[in-house]
Structure formats: structure tokens, C-alpha cells
Amino acid sequence: MGFWHSWCSVSKILIVEDDLEMAGVVKDSLAGNMFTVEMVHTAGDATEYLKSVDYDLIILDWELGDQTGLEVCRNYRQNGGSAPILFLTGKTEIEDKMVGLDAGGDDYLTKPFHAGELIARVRALLRRPLKIDYKPLAIRDLELDIVNHTVKRNGEEIKLYPKEFLLLELFMRNPQRVFSGDYLLSKVWPTDSEASIETVRMTMVRLRQKIEADQNNPLIRTIRGVGYRLDP
């Protein structure tokens, strides 16, 4: 696994870019680092997505066909949106950067750019300290290493599918917090996927079959009518 792998793997990112080739490159770079990524190509679609989905980060092109990224950014901020915004643009003048930041942007990446720099800036904007991410998460006899993307029980590796890993990371970062099926669906699966609450339920069943060592004292409990909770 690469060094950048899974620093912020439970984070959900929206890409707003009308250049399909560029959008694909950005999406592949982020998805390759275990981010949950969604992509739209117009300001109108971006506005609709931002109304209904809670993103952790927005990567926003400066020039869009139907509106500018600046306008999308301003509208999002005026409506209370707080997710960090990273502008992508071919503009290089300092005055343009100042305009973008004044409009509510948090950072600015000039095209063309290296994928490594993109991931580094995303990681910085998500504000997750390096020292925390170097230390594996450990609860009971289970250990989850987000850098090497491994899960072990008493030193023995447990093979998980990507969505199972993301769910377990979310639970281990938030012990004793109850998560509804709807929340898990919105956080781990793309909005435009065909996944449903039943998908969440089946993925949770598989995850629990793999990680539970004591059926009389389960690590993840079902809170009837509410959701799921990890008991440390």
C-alpha cells in the first residue's frame, strides 16, 4: 500500500469539475486513497448535491459552464455550508487567489498539478493530525491500521472488503456512538450508487461475522429501531 493510503478514509468528497478528463484523474487519485468520492460537472448539479448531502470536503473548479465556481462557493457559504473548499484553476495571479479565498475558499491548487500534492492538500484541509493516524486503532483484541489498511485480532489478520473496512474504522473512531443505517449509507456509499439500507444491513452482517469473537459479548450491537453501536 502507498504512503498516502487511507489517511482520511471515512471522509466524503465532492468534485465539481466540467473537464471530464480532469475530473476523472482527480476522482481516481482520491478513490485510490480510499476516500468516498462523488463527482458532478455543472454548478447547478453541485448546488443540488450540496443541499442534500453533508460532505467533508469540496474540490471546486473555478470555471464551470453554467456558472463560476466562485458563485457556487459564495452561495454555499451564504447558506451555512462549512465544508473546506479547495479551488482548482488555471489562474495563477495572486489577485485571483485572493478573490477565491475571499469568496469562502480554503485553499487553491493551480492546474496542472501532481496527484501527490492534491492528496497532501486534501489531507491538510481535513485537519487530521499525523500523529493520530500513525497509531493503529485498538479496541478489545481488535486492531485497525489505517496506514497499512489491515485489521488484526491478536496478531492474526482479518480480510475485509473496502466498505467493511470503512464501516469498522468509523465505529472504532466513535465507540459507544449509535449510527443509524441512513447515516452509514450517506457516509460510506456514494449518493448516486444503487446501495440501500438493505446494502448497509448485509454489509454489517458480513463485517460482524468476520470480527466478532464472542457472540455473548458482541463488539458491535444492534440498537433496535435506532442503529448500531460499538461497545469497547
C-alpha atoms as a PDB file:
ATOM      1  CA  MET A   1       0.000   0.000   0.000  1.00  0.00           C
ATOM      2  CA  GLY A   2       1.150   3.573  -0.724  1.00  0.00           C
ATOM      3  CA  PHE A   3       2.148   6.078   1.955  1.00  0.00           C
ATOM      4  CA  TRP A   4      -0.912   8.241   1.345  1.00  0.00           C
ATOM      5  CA  HIS A   5      -3.291   5.361   1.794  1.00  0.00           C
ATOM      6  CA  SER A   6      -6.384   5.892   3.923  1.00  0.00           C
ATOM      7  CA  TRP A   7      -5.392   8.976   5.885  1.00  0.00           C
ATOM      8  CA  CYS A   8      -8.985  10.180   5.789  1.00  0.00           C
ATOM      9  CA  SER A   9     -10.758   7.124   4.509  1.00  0.00           C
ATOM     10  CA  VAL A  10     -14.152   7.844   6.043  1.00  0.00           C
ATOM     11  CA  SER A  11     -14.253  11.327   4.500  1.00  0.00           C
ATOM     12  CA  LYS A  12     -16.750  12.057   1.729  1.00  0.00           C
ATOM     13  CA  ILE A  13     -15.612  14.416  -1.025  1.00  0.00           C
ATOM     14  CA  LEU A  14     -17.498  16.170  -3.836  1.00  0.00           C
ATOM     15  CA  ILE A  15     -15.633  17.014  -7.055  1.00  0.00           C
ATOM     16  CA  VAL A  16     -17.150  19.807  -9.186  1.00  0.00           C
ATOM     17  CA  GLU A  17     -15.259  19.889 -12.494  1.00  0.00           C
ATOM     18  CA  ASP A  18     -16.575  20.338 -16.054  1.00  0.00           C
ATOM     19  CA  ASP A  19     -13.446  18.935 -17.712  1.00  0.00           C
ATOM     20  CA  LEU A  20     -14.342  15.248 -17.781  1.00  0.00           C
ATOM     21  CA  GLU A  21     -10.755  14.069 -18.186  1.00  0.00           C
ATOM     22  CA  MET A  22      -9.515  16.226 -15.304  1.00  0.00           C
ATOM     23  CA  ALA A  23     -12.458  15.154 -13.138  1.00  0.00           C
ATOM     24  CA  GLY A  24     -11.633  11.515 -13.791  1.00  0.00           C
ATOM     25  CA  VAL A  25      -7.981  12.000 -12.829  1.00  0.00           C
ATOM     26  CA  VAL A  26      -8.936  13.722  -9.568  1.00  0.00           C
ATOM     27  CA  LYS A  27     -11.553  11.094  -8.753  1.00  0.00           C
ATOM     28  CA  ASP A  28      -9.172   8.204  -9.419  1.00  0.00           C
ATOM     29  CA  SER A  29      -6.476   9.799  -7.237  1.00  0.00           C
ATOM     30  CA  LEU A  30      -8.866  10.228  -4.313  1.00  0.00           C
ATOM     31  CA  ALA A  31     -10.608   6.876  -4.705  1.00  0.00           C
ATOM     32  CA  GLY A  32      -7.201   5.206  -4.833  1.00  0.00           C
ATOM     33  CA  ASN A  33      -6.589   6.585  -1.359  1.00  0.00           C
ATOM     34  CA  MET A  34      -9.857   5.149  -0.007  1.00  0.00           C
ATOM     35  CA  PHE A  35     -11.882   8.373   0.025  1.00  0.00           C
ATOM     36  CA  THR A  36     -15.596   8.184  -0.754  1.00  0.00           C
ATOM     37  CA  VAL A  37     -15.892  10.368  -3.857  1.00  0.00           C
ATOM     38  CA  GLU A  38     -18.780  11.871  -5.811  1.00  0.00           C
ATOM     39  CA  MET A  39     -18.496  13.908  -8.985  1.00  0.00           C
ATOM     40  CA  VAL A  40     -20.645  16.454 -10.828  1.00  0.00           C
ATOM     41  CA  HIS A  41     -19.863  18.603 -13.859  1.00  0.00           C
ATOM     42  CA  THR A  42     -22.107  21.672 -13.544  1.00  0.00           C
ATOM     43  CA  ALA A  43     -22.739  24.370 -10.967  1.00  0.00           C
ATOM     44  CA  GLY A  44     -26.430  23.504 -10.949  1.00  0.00           C
ATOM     45  CA  ASP A  45     -25.792  19.880 -10.061  1.00  0.00           C
ATOM     46  CA  ALA A  46     -23.261  20.932  -7.436  1.00  0.00           C
ATOM     47  CA  THR A  47     -25.795  23.207  -5.775  1.00  0.00           C
ATOM     48  CA  GLU A  48     -28.380  20.420  -5.627  1.00  0.00           C
ATOM     49  CA  TYR A  49     -25.908  17.908  -4.184  1.00  0.00           C
ATOM     50  CA  LEU A  50     -24.711  20.390  -1.584  1.00  0.00           C
ATOM     51  CA  LYS A  51     -28.276  20.968  -0.451  1.00  0.00           C
ATOM     52  CA  SER A  52     -28.888  17.311   0.301  1.00  0.00           C
ATOM     53  CA  VAL A  53     -25.529  15.747   1.215  1.00  0.00           C
ATOM     54  CA  ASP A  54     -23.134  16.546   4.056  1.00  0.00           C
ATOM     55  CA  TYR A  55     -19.647  16.486   2.511  1.00  0.00           C
ATOM     56  CA  ASP A  56     -16.351  16.647   4.370  1.00  0.00           C
ATOM     57  CA  LEU A  57     -14.560  18.454   1.528  1.00  0.00           C
ATOM     58  CA  ILE A  58     -15.418  20.089  -1.809  1.00  0.00           C
ATOM     59  CA  ILE A  59     -12.986  20.262  -4.732  1.00  0.00           C
ATOM     60  CA  LEU A  60     -14.317  23.054  -6.945  1.00  0.00           C
ATOM     61  CA  ASP A  61     -13.277  24.102 -10.441  1.00  0.00           C
ATOM     62  CA  TRP A  62     -13.057  27.861 -10.935  1.00  0.00           C
ATOM     63  CA  GLU A  63     -14.636  27.931 -14.410  1.00  0.00           C
ATOM     64  CA  LEU A  64     -17.852  25.966 -14.934  1.00  0.00           C
ATOM     65  CA  GLY A  65     -20.059  26.096 -17.997  1.00  0.00           C
ATOM     66  CA  ASP A  66     -23.246  27.388 -16.373  1.00  0.00           C
ATOM     67  CA  GLN A  67     -21.763  29.407 -13.506  1.00  0.00           C
ATOM     68  CA  THR A  68     -18.407  30.122 -11.879  1.00  0.00           C
ATOM     69  CA  GLY A  69     -17.012  28.126  -9.011  1.00  0.00           C
ATOM     70  CA  LEU A  70     -16.804  31.419  -7.115  1.00  0.00           C
ATOM     71  CA  GLU A  71     -20.583  31.760  -7.258  1.00  0.00           C
ATOM     72  CA  VAL A  72     -21.095  28.171  -6.134  1.00  0.00           C
ATOM     73  CA  CYS A  73     -18.711  28.791  -3.244  1.00  0.00           C
ATOM     74  CA  ARG A  74     -20.393  32.059  -2.195  1.00  0.00           C
ATOM     75  CA  ASN A  75     -23.871  30.538  -2.316  1.00  0.00           C
ATOM     76  CA  TYR A  76     -22.742  27.517  -0.325  1.00  0.00           C
ATOM     77  CA  ARG A  77     -21.203  29.702   2.382  1.00  0.00           C
ATOM     78  CA  GLN A  78     -24.216  32.042   2.477  1.00  0.00           C
ATOM     79  CA  ASN A  79     -26.461  29.029   3.076  1.00  0.00           C
ATOM     80  CA  GLY A  80     -24.353  27.911   6.024  1.00  0.00           C
ATOM     81  CA  GLY A  81     -22.115  25.349   4.297  1.00  0.00           C
ATOM     82  CA  SER A  82     -18.954  24.761   6.305  1.00  0.00           C
ATOM     83  CA  ALA A  83     -17.001  22.016   4.494  1.00  0.00           C
ATOM     84  CA  PRO A  84     -13.497  23.035   3.359  1.00  0.00           C
ATOM     85  CA  ILE A  85     -13.308  24.104  -0.305  1.00  0.00           C
ATOM     86  CA  LEU A  86     -10.261  23.507  -2.489  1.00  0.00           C
ATOM     87  CA  PHE A  87     -10.313  25.517  -5.729  1.00  0.00           C
ATOM     88  CA  LEU A  88      -8.831  24.022  -8.916  1.00  0.00           C
ATOM     89  CA  THR A  89      -7.979  26.571 -11.589  1.00  0.00           C
ATOM     90  CA  GLY A  90      -5.630  27.584 -14.358  1.00  0.00           C
ATOM     91  CA  LYS A  91      -5.430  31.119 -12.955  1.00  0.00           C
ATOM     92  CA  THR A  92      -2.058  31.966 -11.458  1.00  0.00           C
ATOM     93  CA  GLU A  93      -2.303  35.620 -10.422  1.00  0.00           C
ATOM     94  CA  ILE A  94      -2.219  36.390  -6.714  1.00  0.00           C
ATOM     95  CA  GLU A  95      -5.273  38.632  -7.156  1.00  0.00           C
ATOM     96  CA  ASP A  96      -7.288  35.638  -8.353  1.00  0.00           C
ATOM     97  CA  LYS A  97      -6.192  33.613  -5.344  1.00  0.00           C
ATOM     98  CA  MET A  98      -7.278  36.425  -3.045  1.00  0.00           C
ATOM     99  CA  VAL A  99     -10.703  36.551  -4.730  1.00  0.00           C
ATOM    100  CA  GLY A 100     -11.147  32.806  -4.323  1.00  0.00           C
ATOM    101  CA  LEU A 101     -10.202  32.858  -0.654  1.00  0.00           C
ATOM    102  CA  ASP A 102     -12.388  35.907  -0.001  1.00  0.00           C
ATOM    103  CA  ALA A 103     -15.323  34.073  -1.581  1.00  0.00           C
ATOM    104  CA  GLY A 104     -15.028  31.357   1.066  1.00  0.00           C
ATOM    105  CA  GLY A 105     -12.401  29.012  -0.341  1.00  0.00           C
ATOM    106  CA  ASP A 106      -9.856  27.391   1.961  1.00  0.00           C
ATOM    107  CA  ASP A 107      -7.082  26.519  -0.471  1.00  0.00           C
ATOM    108  CA  TYR A 108      -6.086  26.900  -4.099  1.00  0.00           C
ATOM    109  CA  LEU A 109      -4.399  24.417  -6.454  1.00  0.00           C
ATOM    110  CA  THR A 110      -3.200  25.585  -9.873  1.00  0.00           C
ATOM    111  CA  LYS A 111      -3.516  23.313 -12.914  1.00  0.00           C
ATOM    112  CA  PRO A 112      -1.581  21.299 -13.894  1.00  0.00           C
ATOM    113  CA  PHE A 113      -0.779  19.690 -10.551  1.00  0.00           C
ATOM    114  CA  HIS A 114       0.739  16.477  -9.221  1.00  0.00           C
ATOM    115  CA  ALA A 115      -1.599  13.903  -7.679  1.00  0.00           C
ATOM    116  CA  GLY A 116       0.626  13.738  -4.607  1.00  0.00           C
ATOM    117  CA  GLU A 117       0.171  17.452  -3.964  1.00  0.00           C
ATOM    118  CA  LEU A 118      -3.597  17.117  -4.365  1.00  0.00           C
ATOM    119  CA  ILE A 119      -3.759  14.343  -1.764  1.00  0.00           C
ATOM    120  CA  ALA A 120      -1.484  16.279   0.595  1.00  0.00           C
ATOM    121  CA  ARG A 121      -3.679  19.378   0.381  1.00  0.00           C
ATOM    122  CA  VAL A 122      -6.851  17.343   0.858  1.00  0.00           C
ATOM    123  CA  ARG A 123      -5.326  15.674   3.887  1.00  0.00           C
ATOM    124  CA  ALA A 124      -4.316  19.044   5.343  1.00  0.00           C
ATOM    125  CA  LEU A 125      -7.763  20.555   4.800  1.00  0.00           C
ATOM    126  CA  LEU A 126      -9.428  17.662   6.558  1.00  0.00           C
ATOM    127  CA  ARG A 127      -7.255  18.544   9.574  1.00  0.00           C
ATOM    128  CA  ARG A 128      -6.477  15.077  10.847  1.00  0.00           C
ATOM    129  CA  PRO A 129      -3.186  15.157  12.790  1.00  0.00           C
ATOM    130  CA  LEU A 130      -0.389  12.908  11.529  1.00  0.00           C
ATOM    131  CA  LYS A 131       0.478  11.576  14.966  1.00  0.00           C
ATOM    132  CA  ILE A 132      -3.026  10.190  15.432  1.00  0.00           C
ATOM    133  CA  ASP A 133      -3.086   8.435  12.094  1.00  0.00           C
ATOM    134  CA  TYR A 134       0.259   6.719  12.675  1.00  0.00           C
ATOM    135  CA  LYS A 135      -1.171   4.853  15.661  1.00  0.00           C
ATOM    136  CA  PRO A 136      -3.440   1.887  14.892  1.00  0.00           C
ATOM    137  CA  LEU A 137      -6.918   1.983  16.392  1.00  0.00           C
ATOM    138  CA  ALA A 138      -7.288  -0.701  19.062  1.00  0.00           C
ATOM    139  CA  ILE A 139     -10.413  -1.916  20.854  1.00  0.00           C
ATOM    140  CA  ARG A 140     -10.538  -5.185  22.818  1.00  0.00           C
ATOM    141  CA  ASP A 141      -8.402  -7.656  20.873  1.00  0.00           C
ATOM    142  CA  LEU A 142      -9.018  -5.916  17.530  1.00  0.00           C
ATOM    143  CA  GLU A 143      -6.505  -3.594  15.865  1.00  0.00           C
ATOM    144  CA  LEU A 144      -7.184  -1.476  12.744  1.00  0.00           C
ATOM    145  CA  ASP A 145      -4.223   0.087  10.942  1.00  0.00           C
ATOM    146  CA  ILE A 146      -5.435   2.824   8.587  1.00  0.00           C
ATOM    147  CA  VAL A 147      -1.999   3.357   7.014  1.00  0.00           C
ATOM    148  CA  ASN A 148      -1.393  -0.267   6.009  1.00  0.00           C
ATOM    149  CA  HIS A 149      -5.128  -0.960   5.633  1.00  0.00           C
ATOM    150  CA  THR A 150      -5.110  -4.042   7.840  1.00  0.00           C
ATOM    151  CA  VAL A 151      -7.324  -5.417  10.596  1.00  0.00           C
ATOM    152  CA  LYS A 152      -5.926  -7.933  13.077  1.00  0.00           C
ATOM    153  CA  ARG A 153      -7.218  -9.882  16.072  1.00  0.00           C
ATOM    154  CA  ASN A 154      -4.459 -10.964  18.431  1.00  0.00           C
ATOM    155  CA  GLY A 155      -1.968 -10.523  15.586  1.00  0.00           C
ATOM    156  CA  GLU A 156      -3.968 -12.593  13.063  1.00  0.00           C
ATOM    157  CA  GLU A 157      -5.082 -10.612  10.010  1.00  0.00           C
ATOM    158  CA  ILE A 158      -8.789 -10.445   9.125  1.00  0.00           C
ATOM    159  CA  LYS A 159      -9.587  -9.814   5.466  1.00  0.00           C
ATOM    160  CA  LEU A 160     -12.215  -7.105   4.965  1.00  0.00           C
ATOM    161  CA  TYR A 161     -13.749  -5.641   1.828  1.00  0.00           C
ATOM    162  CA  PRO A 162     -13.307  -1.837   1.407  1.00  0.00           C
ATOM    163  CA  LYS A 163     -16.805  -0.887   2.660  1.00  0.00           C
ATOM    164  CA  GLU A 164     -16.446  -3.244   5.640  1.00  0.00           C
ATOM    165  CA  PHE A 165     -13.130  -1.588   6.484  1.00  0.00           C
ATOM    166  CA  LEU A 166     -14.627   1.908   6.245  1.00  0.00           C
ATOM    167  CA  LEU A 167     -17.533   0.947   8.492  1.00  0.00           C
ATOM    168  CA  LEU A 168     -15.257  -0.605  11.083  1.00  0.00           C
ATOM    169  CA  GLU A 169     -12.983   2.446  11.067  1.00  0.00           C
ATOM    170  CA  LEU A 170     -15.979   4.712  11.627  1.00  0.00           C
ATOM    171  CA  PHE A 171     -17.154   2.624  14.573  1.00  0.00           C
ATOM    172  CA  MET A 172     -13.695   2.323  16.113  1.00  0.00           C
ATOM    173  CA  ARG A 173     -13.168   6.074  15.902  1.00  0.00           C
ATOM    174  CA  ASN A 174     -16.506   6.624  17.634  1.00  0.00           C
ATOM    175  CA  PRO A 175     -17.001   3.933  20.311  1.00  0.00           C
ATOM    176  CA  GLN A 176     -20.398   3.948  22.044  1.00  0.00           C
ATOM    177  CA  ARG A 177     -21.882   6.300  19.457  1.00  0.00           C
ATOM    178  CA  VAL A 178     -25.046   4.997  17.793  1.00  0.00           C
ATOM    179  CA  PHE A 179     -25.110   5.244  13.998  1.00  0.00           C
ATOM    180  CA  SER A 180     -28.332   4.873  12.059  1.00  0.00           C
ATOM    181  CA  GLY A 181     -28.430   2.871   8.855  1.00  0.00           C
ATOM    182  CA  ASP A 182     -29.243   6.064   6.936  1.00  0.00           C
ATOM    183  CA  TYR A 183     -26.166   7.803   8.332  1.00  0.00           C
ATOM    184  CA  LEU A 184     -23.894   4.876   7.443  1.00  0.00           C
ATOM    185  CA  LEU A 185     -25.352   4.812   3.934  1.00  0.00           C
ATOM    186  CA  SER A 186     -24.747   8.550   3.432  1.00  0.00           C
ATOM    187  CA  LYS A 187     -21.228   8.459   4.859  1.00  0.00           C
ATOM    188  CA  VAL A 188     -19.746   5.363   3.263  1.00  0.00           C
ATOM    189  CA  TRP A 189     -21.593   4.904  -0.062  1.00  0.00           C
ATOM    190  CA  PRO A 190     -21.778   7.431  -2.937  1.00  0.00           C
ATOM    191  CA  THR A 191     -25.131   9.194  -3.184  1.00  0.00           C
ATOM    192  CA  ASP A 192     -25.640   8.124  -6.793  1.00  0.00           C
ATOM    193  CA  SER A 193     -24.914   4.443  -6.136  1.00  0.00           C
ATOM    194  CA  GLU A 194     -27.606   1.770  -6.055  1.00  0.00           C
ATOM    195  CA  ALA A 195     -26.832   0.997  -2.416  1.00  0.00           C
ATOM    196  CA  SER A 196     -29.744   0.941   0.028  1.00  0.00           C
ATOM    197  CA  ILE A 197     -30.430   0.355   3.708  1.00  0.00           C
ATOM    198  CA  GLU A 198     -30.519  -3.354   2.856  1.00  0.00           C
ATOM    199  CA  THR A 199     -26.982  -2.984   1.450  1.00  0.00           C
ATOM    200  CA  VAL A 200     -25.877  -1.471   4.759  1.00  0.00           C
ATOM    201  CA  ARG A 201     -27.558  -4.267   6.696  1.00  0.00           C
ATOM    202  CA  MET A 202     -25.930  -7.021   4.647  1.00  0.00           C
ATOM    203  CA  THR A 203     -22.509  -5.362   4.847  1.00  0.00           C
ATOM    204  CA  MET A 204     -22.902  -5.086   8.627  1.00  0.00           C
ATOM    205  CA  VAL A 205     -23.822  -8.780   8.817  1.00  0.00           C
ATOM    206  CA  ARG A 206     -20.644  -9.746   6.912  1.00  0.00           C
ATOM    207  CA  LEU A 207     -18.490  -7.401   8.980  1.00  0.00           C
ATOM    208  CA  ARG A 208     -19.774  -8.770  12.269  1.00  0.00           C
ATOM    209  CA  GLN A 209     -19.302 -12.355  11.140  1.00  0.00           C
ATOM    210  CA  LYS A 210     -15.649 -11.566  10.474  1.00  0.00           C
ATOM    211  CA  ILE A 211     -14.770  -9.563  13.577  1.00  0.00           C
ATOM    212  CA  GLU A 212     -16.883 -10.980  16.388  1.00  0.00           C
ATOM    213  CA  ALA A 213     -15.003 -13.357  18.690  1.00  0.00           C
ATOM    214  CA  ASP A 214     -17.591 -13.646  21.494  1.00  0.00           C
ATOM    215  CA  GLN A 215     -21.228 -13.889  20.414  1.00  0.00           C
ATOM    216  CA  ASN A 216     -22.331 -13.421  24.031  1.00  0.00           C
ATOM    217  CA  ASN A 217     -20.481 -10.110  24.244  1.00  0.00           C
ATOM    218  CA  PRO A 218     -20.519  -8.672  20.704  1.00  0.00           C
ATOM    219  CA  LEU A 219     -18.292  -5.795  19.717  1.00  0.00           C
ATOM    220  CA  ILE A 220     -20.992  -4.155  17.566  1.00  0.00           C
ATOM    221  CA  ARG A 221     -24.529  -4.237  18.900  1.00  0.00           C
ATOM    222  CA  THR A 222     -27.818  -3.598  17.133  1.00  0.00           C
ATOM    223  CA  ILE A 223     -29.870  -0.934  18.891  1.00  0.00           C
ATOM    224  CA  ARG A 224     -33.358  -1.947  17.835  1.00  0.00           C
ATOM    225  CA  GLY A 225     -35.167   0.742  15.864  1.00  0.00           C
ATOM    226  CA  VAL A 226     -32.170   3.091  16.030  1.00  0.00           C
ATOM    227  CA  GLY A 227     -28.983   1.652  14.516  1.00  0.00           C
ATOM    228  CA  TYR A 228     -25.631   0.202  15.547  1.00  0.00           C
ATOM    229  CA  ARG A 229     -23.149   0.877  18.356  1.00  0.00           C
ATOM    230  CA  LEU A 230     -19.632  -0.335  19.088  1.00  0.00           C
ATOM    231  CA  ASP A 231     -19.123  -1.322  22.735  1.00  0.00           C
ATOM    232  CA  PRO A 232     -15.458  -1.130  23.751  1.00  0.00           C
END
